[in-house]
Amino acid sequence: MLFHLFSRQLFLAILGFGISFLGFAGEKVLQASEFIQSSDEDVDVGLYCLFQKAKKENYTKIVFEKGTYHVYSDRAYDKFMFISNHDSVRRKIAFPIIGFEGLEIEGGGAEFIMHGLVIPVVVEDSKGVIIRNLSFDHFRVTHSDSDFEKEKPIKSRKKIKY
């Protein structure tokens, strides 16, 4: 009787451990701090390596630490893109989310500043992608708007003969 009670408790303990293990087995977390730090001058290569590892090793979650990260266009991941109302050319991409399934990106309040012509995020051929708690901005906007307050008349025009 004592052996039966002990074996039943052992079975329940193993079953409980197995169930709890299976519950956490579905989430594989990659810490972005393994590749980039907010103190880094330029994080474009680190971001590329981060997303390559996440894809190769089937990570389901990428976690960033709060901070300001700078992405420059000279070494960022690039891909030939066909974007409506734009030229079809190679584009630099900060977050190349291509071919992922069930990826969650937790930004932790991180801010990414783009320098140059960089597309912040491309999600392509992917399913179940969640991006939260981060922001993107450009150091200098690529287009500028102007308002004219007052027109100043031109006093004279020179005619140019061809």
C-alpha atoms as a PDB file:
ATOM      1  CA  MET A   1       0.000   0.000   0.000  1.00  0.00           C
ATOM      2  CA  LEU A   2       2.800   2.423   0.908  1.00  0.00           C
ATOM      3  CA  PHE A   3       4.627   1.613  -2.353  1.00  0.00           C
ATOM      4  CA  HIS A   4       1.418   2.203  -4.346  1.00  0.00           C
ATOM      5  CA  LEU A   5       0.882   5.596  -2.637  1.00  0.00           C
ATOM      6  CA  PHE A   6       4.522   6.585  -3.244  1.00  0.00           C
ATOM      7  CA  SER A   7       4.421   5.544  -6.913  1.00  0.00           C
ATOM      8  CA  ARG A   8       1.165   7.484  -7.399  1.00  0.00           C
ATOM      9  CA  GLN A   9       2.713  10.660  -5.887  1.00  0.00           C
ATOM     10  CA  LEU A  10       5.836  10.189  -8.004  1.00  0.00           C
ATOM     11  CA  PHE A  11       3.682   9.778 -11.123  1.00  0.00           C
ATOM     12  CA  LEU A  12       1.698  12.956 -10.321  1.00  0.00           C
ATOM     13  CA  ALA A  13       4.899  14.918  -9.644  1.00  0.00           C
ATOM     14  CA  ILE A  14       6.418  13.808 -12.959  1.00  0.00           C
ATOM     15  CA  LEU A  15       3.158  14.554 -14.779  1.00  0.00           C
ATOM     16  CA  GLY A  16       2.952  18.033 -13.203  1.00  0.00           C
ATOM     17  CA  PHE A  17       6.556  18.791 -14.131  1.00  0.00           C
ATOM     18  CA  GLY A  18       5.956  17.589 -17.684  1.00  0.00           C
ATOM     19  CA  ILE A  19       2.854  19.744 -18.096  1.00  0.00           C
ATOM     20  CA  SER A  20       4.599  22.841 -16.714  1.00  0.00           C
ATOM     21  CA  PHE A  21       7.607  22.171 -18.963  1.00  0.00           C
ATOM     22  CA  LEU A  22       5.383  21.889 -22.026  1.00  0.00           C
ATOM     23  CA  GLY A  23       3.695  25.147 -21.104  1.00  0.00           C
ATOM     24  CA  PHE A  24       6.987  27.039 -21.284  1.00  0.00           C
ATOM     25  CA  ALA A  25       8.469  25.054 -24.168  1.00  0.00           C
ATOM     26  CA  GLY A  26       6.470  27.022 -26.743  1.00  0.00           C
ATOM     27  CA  GLU A  27       8.240  30.339 -26.050  1.00  0.00           C
ATOM     28  CA  LYS A  28      11.880  30.672 -27.011  1.00  0.00           C
ATOM     29  CA  VAL A  29      13.182  34.122 -26.005  1.00  0.00           C
ATOM     30  CA  LEU A  30      16.151  35.914 -27.556  1.00  0.00           C
ATOM     31  CA  GLN A  31      17.577  38.914 -25.702  1.00  0.00           C
ATOM     32  CA  ALA A  32      18.564  41.669 -28.132  1.00  0.00           C
ATOM     33  CA  SER A  33      21.254  42.761 -25.662  1.00  0.00           C
ATOM     34  CA  GLU A  34      23.311  39.785 -26.867  1.00  0.00           C
ATOM     35  CA  PHE A  35      23.777  41.699 -30.142  1.00  0.00           C
ATOM     36  CA  ILE A  36      23.169  45.411 -29.519  1.00  0.00           C
ATOM     37  CA  GLN A  37      23.378  47.972 -26.713  1.00  0.00           C
ATOM     38  CA  SER A  38      21.844  51.439 -26.629  1.00  0.00           C
ATOM     39  CA  SER A  39      25.377  52.759 -26.030  1.00  0.00           C
ATOM     40  CA  ASP A  40      26.503  51.371 -29.422  1.00  0.00           C
ATOM     41  CA  GLU A  41      27.119  54.067 -32.014  1.00  0.00           C
ATOM     42  CA  ASP A  42      25.512  52.005 -34.784  1.00  0.00           C
ATOM     43  CA  VAL A  43      23.300  48.910 -34.382  1.00  0.00           C
ATOM     44  CA  ASP A  44      22.514  48.013 -38.000  1.00  0.00           C
ATOM     45  CA  VAL A  45      24.834  44.975 -38.257  1.00  0.00           C
ATOM     46  CA  GLY A  46      23.786  43.776 -34.786  1.00  0.00           C
ATOM     47  CA  LEU A  47      20.108  43.955 -35.792  1.00  0.00           C
ATOM     48  CA  TYR A  48      20.803  41.905 -38.914  1.00  0.00           C
ATOM     49  CA  CYS A  49      22.632  39.235 -36.872  1.00  0.00           C
ATOM     50  CA  LEU A  50      19.823  39.263 -34.280  1.00  0.00           C
ATOM     51  CA  PHE A  51      17.115  38.555 -36.853  1.00  0.00           C
ATOM     52  CA  GLN A  52      19.252  35.928 -38.604  1.00  0.00           C
ATOM     53  CA  LYS A  53      19.749  34.009 -35.333  1.00  0.00           C
ATOM     54  CA  ALA A  54      16.058  34.335 -34.443  1.00  0.00           C
ATOM     55  CA  LYS A  55      15.072  32.862 -37.798  1.00  0.00           C
ATOM     56  CA  LYS A  56      17.730  30.137 -37.920  1.00  0.00           C
ATOM     57  CA  GLU A  57      17.055  28.900 -34.376  1.00  0.00           C
ATOM     58  CA  ASN A  58      13.241  29.417 -34.416  1.00  0.00           C
ATOM     59  CA  TYR A  59      12.969  31.976 -31.625  1.00  0.00           C
ATOM     60  CA  THR A  60       9.410  33.084 -30.895  1.00  0.00           C
ATOM     61  CA  LYS A  61      10.188  36.269 -28.965  1.00  0.00           C
ATOM     62  CA  ILE A  62      12.806  39.026 -29.202  1.00  0.00           C
ATOM     63  CA  VAL A  63      13.157  41.363 -26.201  1.00  0.00           C
ATOM     64  CA  PHE A  64      14.831  44.788 -26.380  1.00  0.00           C
ATOM     65  CA  GLU A  65      15.975  46.852 -23.420  1.00  0.00           C
ATOM     66  CA  LYS A  66      14.747  50.420 -23.072  1.00  0.00           C
ATOM     67  CA  GLY A  67      17.087  52.893 -24.715  1.00  0.00           C
ATOM     68  CA  THR A  68      17.790  54.836 -27.891  1.00  0.00           C
ATOM     69  CA  TYR A  69      19.348  52.875 -30.745  1.00  0.00           C
ATOM     70  CA  HIS A  70      20.800  54.441 -33.922  1.00  0.00           C
ATOM     71  CA  VAL A  71      20.518  52.689 -37.302  1.00  0.00           C
ATOM     72  CA  TYR A  72      22.605  53.985 -40.218  1.00  0.00           C
ATOM     73  CA  SER A  73      21.930  53.182 -43.846  1.00  0.00           C
ATOM     74  CA  ASP A  74      25.471  52.292 -44.876  1.00  0.00           C
ATOM     75  CA  ARG A  75      25.578  48.751 -43.412  1.00  0.00           C
ATOM     76  CA  ALA A  76      21.911  47.898 -42.798  1.00  0.00           C
ATOM     77  CA  TYR A  77      20.329  44.832 -44.395  1.00  0.00           C
ATOM     78  CA  ASP A  78      19.246  45.592 -47.949  1.00  0.00           C
ATOM     79  CA  LYS A  79      16.776  44.004 -50.332  1.00  0.00           C
ATOM     80  CA  PHE A  80      15.387  44.834 -53.753  1.00  0.00           C
ATOM     81  CA  MET A  81      11.875  46.115 -53.083  1.00  0.00           C
ATOM     82  CA  PHE A  82       8.816  46.837 -55.214  1.00  0.00           C
ATOM     83  CA  ILE A  83       6.950  49.495 -53.234  1.00  0.00           C
ATOM     84  CA  SER A  84       3.867  51.196 -54.685  1.00  0.00           C
ATOM     85  CA  ASN A  85       4.425  54.822 -55.775  1.00  0.00           C
ATOM     86  CA  HIS A  86       8.203  54.490 -55.323  1.00  0.00           C
ATOM     87  CA  ASP A  87      11.128  53.474 -57.479  1.00  0.00           C
ATOM     88  CA  SER A  88      11.844  49.739 -57.480  1.00  0.00           C
ATOM     89  CA  VAL A  89      15.361  49.701 -56.034  1.00  0.00           C
ATOM     90  CA  ARG A  90      17.396  48.169 -53.213  1.00  0.00           C
ATOM     91  CA  ARG A  91      16.175  49.437 -49.844  1.00  0.00           C
ATOM     92  CA  LYS A  92      17.913  49.380 -46.469  1.00  0.00           C
ATOM     93  CA  ILE A  93      15.838  47.742 -43.710  1.00  0.00           C
ATOM     94  CA  ALA A  94      16.327  47.974 -39.935  1.00  0.00           C
ATOM     95  CA  PHE A  95      13.952  45.111 -38.953  1.00  0.00           C
ATOM     96  CA  PRO A  96      13.910  42.515 -41.763  1.00  0.00           C
ATOM     97  CA  ILE A  97      11.069  40.276 -40.552  1.00  0.00           C
ATOM     98  CA  ILE A  98      11.057  37.910 -43.514  1.00  0.00           C
ATOM     99  CA  GLY A  99       9.850  34.320 -43.353  1.00  0.00           C
ATOM    100  CA  PHE A 100       8.889  34.234 -39.665  1.00  0.00           C
ATOM    101  CA  GLU A 101       5.966  32.456 -38.066  1.00  0.00           C
ATOM    102  CA  GLY A 102       4.709  33.373 -34.599  1.00  0.00           C
ATOM    103  CA  LEU A 103       7.291  36.038 -33.737  1.00  0.00           C
ATOM    104  CA  GLU A 104       6.704  38.559 -30.953  1.00  0.00           C
ATOM    105  CA  ILE A 105       8.940  41.607 -30.594  1.00  0.00           C
ATOM    106  CA  GLU A 106       8.803  43.246 -27.172  1.00  0.00           C
ATOM    107  CA  GLY A 107      10.415  46.670 -27.461  1.00  0.00           C
ATOM    108  CA  GLY A 108      10.614  47.495 -23.751  1.00  0.00           C
ATOM    109  CA  GLY A 109      10.147  51.178 -24.614  1.00  0.00           C
ATOM    110  CA  ALA A 110      13.108  51.225 -27.034  1.00  0.00           C
ATOM    111  CA  GLU A 111      13.407  54.027 -29.581  1.00  0.00           C
ATOM    112  CA  PHE A 112      15.101  53.445 -32.941  1.00  0.00           C
ATOM    113  CA  ILE A 113      16.461  56.460 -34.820  1.00  0.00           C
ATOM    114  CA  MET A 114      17.027  55.981 -38.564  1.00  0.00           C
ATOM    115  CA  HIS A 115      19.906  57.853 -40.216  1.00  0.00           C
ATOM    116  CA  GLY A 116      19.649  58.040 -44.001  1.00  0.00           C
ATOM    117  CA  LEU A 117      17.185  56.198 -46.209  1.00  0.00           C
ATOM    118  CA  VAL A 118      16.236  53.269 -43.984  1.00  0.00           C
ATOM    119  CA  ILE A 119      12.863  51.530 -43.892  1.00  0.00           C
ATOM    120  CA  PRO A 120      12.199  50.762 -40.219  1.00  0.00           C
ATOM    121  CA  VAL A 121      10.262  47.476 -40.610  1.00  0.00           C
ATOM    122  CA  VAL A 122       9.483  45.035 -43.412  1.00  0.00           C
ATOM    123  CA  VAL A 123       7.191  42.097 -42.619  1.00  0.00           C
ATOM    124  CA  GLU A 124       7.175  39.743 -45.593  1.00  0.00           C
ATOM    125  CA  ASP A 125       6.114  36.095 -46.002  1.00  0.00           C
ATOM    126  CA  SER A 126       5.389  35.919 -42.268  1.00  0.00           C
ATOM    127  CA  LYS A 127       2.442  34.942 -40.043  1.00  0.00           C
ATOM    128  CA  GLY A 128       1.496  35.878 -36.487  1.00  0.00           C
ATOM    129  CA  VAL A 129       3.994  38.733 -36.035  1.00  0.00           C
ATOM    130  CA  ILE A 130       3.408  41.033 -33.043  1.00  0.00           C
ATOM    131  CA  ILE A 131       5.453  44.209 -32.547  1.00  0.00           C
ATOM    132  CA  ARG A 132       4.833  46.214 -29.387  1.00  0.00           C
ATOM    133  CA  ASN A 133       6.239  48.859 -27.088  1.00  0.00           C
ATOM    134  CA  LEU A 134       8.847  50.465 -29.359  1.00  0.00           C
ATOM    135  CA  SER A 135       9.059  53.460 -31.665  1.00  0.00           C
ATOM    136  CA  PHE A 136      10.813  54.497 -34.857  1.00  0.00           C
ATOM    137  CA  ASP A 137      11.827  57.954 -35.965  1.00  0.00           C
ATOM    138  CA  HIS A 138      14.191  59.533 -38.480  1.00  0.00           C
ATOM    139  CA  PHE A 139      17.085  61.728 -37.403  1.00  0.00           C
ATOM    140  CA  ARG A 140      16.421  63.945 -40.394  1.00  0.00           C
ATOM    141  CA  VAL A 141      13.265  63.635 -42.423  1.00  0.00           C
ATOM    142  CA  THR A 142      13.732  62.653 -46.045  1.00  0.00           C
ATOM    143  CA  HIS A 143      11.154  65.159 -47.303  1.00  0.00           C
ATOM    144  CA  SER A 144      10.572  68.689 -46.116  1.00  0.00           C
ATOM    145  CA  ASP A 145       7.433  70.805 -46.233  1.00  0.00           C
ATOM    146  CA  SER A 146       7.445  74.586 -46.435  1.00  0.00           C
ATOM    147  CA  ASP A 147       4.860  77.295 -45.990  1.00  0.00           C
ATOM    148  CA  PHE A 148       5.184  80.617 -47.785  1.00  0.00           C
ATOM    149  CA  GLU A 149       4.126  83.479 -45.604  1.00  0.00           C
ATOM    150  CA  LYS A 150       4.472  86.324 -48.084  1.00  0.00           C
ATOM    151  CA  GLU A 151       5.385  86.605 -51.708  1.00  0.00           C
ATOM    152  CA  LYS A 152       8.173  89.026 -52.456  1.00  0.00           C
ATOM    153  CA  PRO A 153       7.921  90.581 -55.936  1.00  0.00           C
ATOM    154  CA  ILE A 154      10.819  90.132 -58.308  1.00  0.00           C
ATOM    155  CA  LYS A 155      12.182  93.503 -59.415  1.00  0.00           C
ATOM    156  CA  SER A 156      13.717  92.484 -62.689  1.00  0.00           C
ATOM    157  CA  ARG A 157      14.212  89.452 -64.817  1.00  0.00           C
ATOM    158  CA  LYS A 158      16.989  88.935 -67.245  1.00  0.00           C
ATOM    159  CA  LYS A 159      16.130  87.328 -70.515  1.00  0.00           C
ATOM    160  CA  ILE A 160      18.369  84.543 -71.555  1.00  0.00           C
ATOM    161  CA  LYS A 161      18.952  83.983 -75.277  1.00  0.00           C
ATOM    162  CA  TYR A 162      19.740  80.537 -76.497  1.00  0.00           C
END
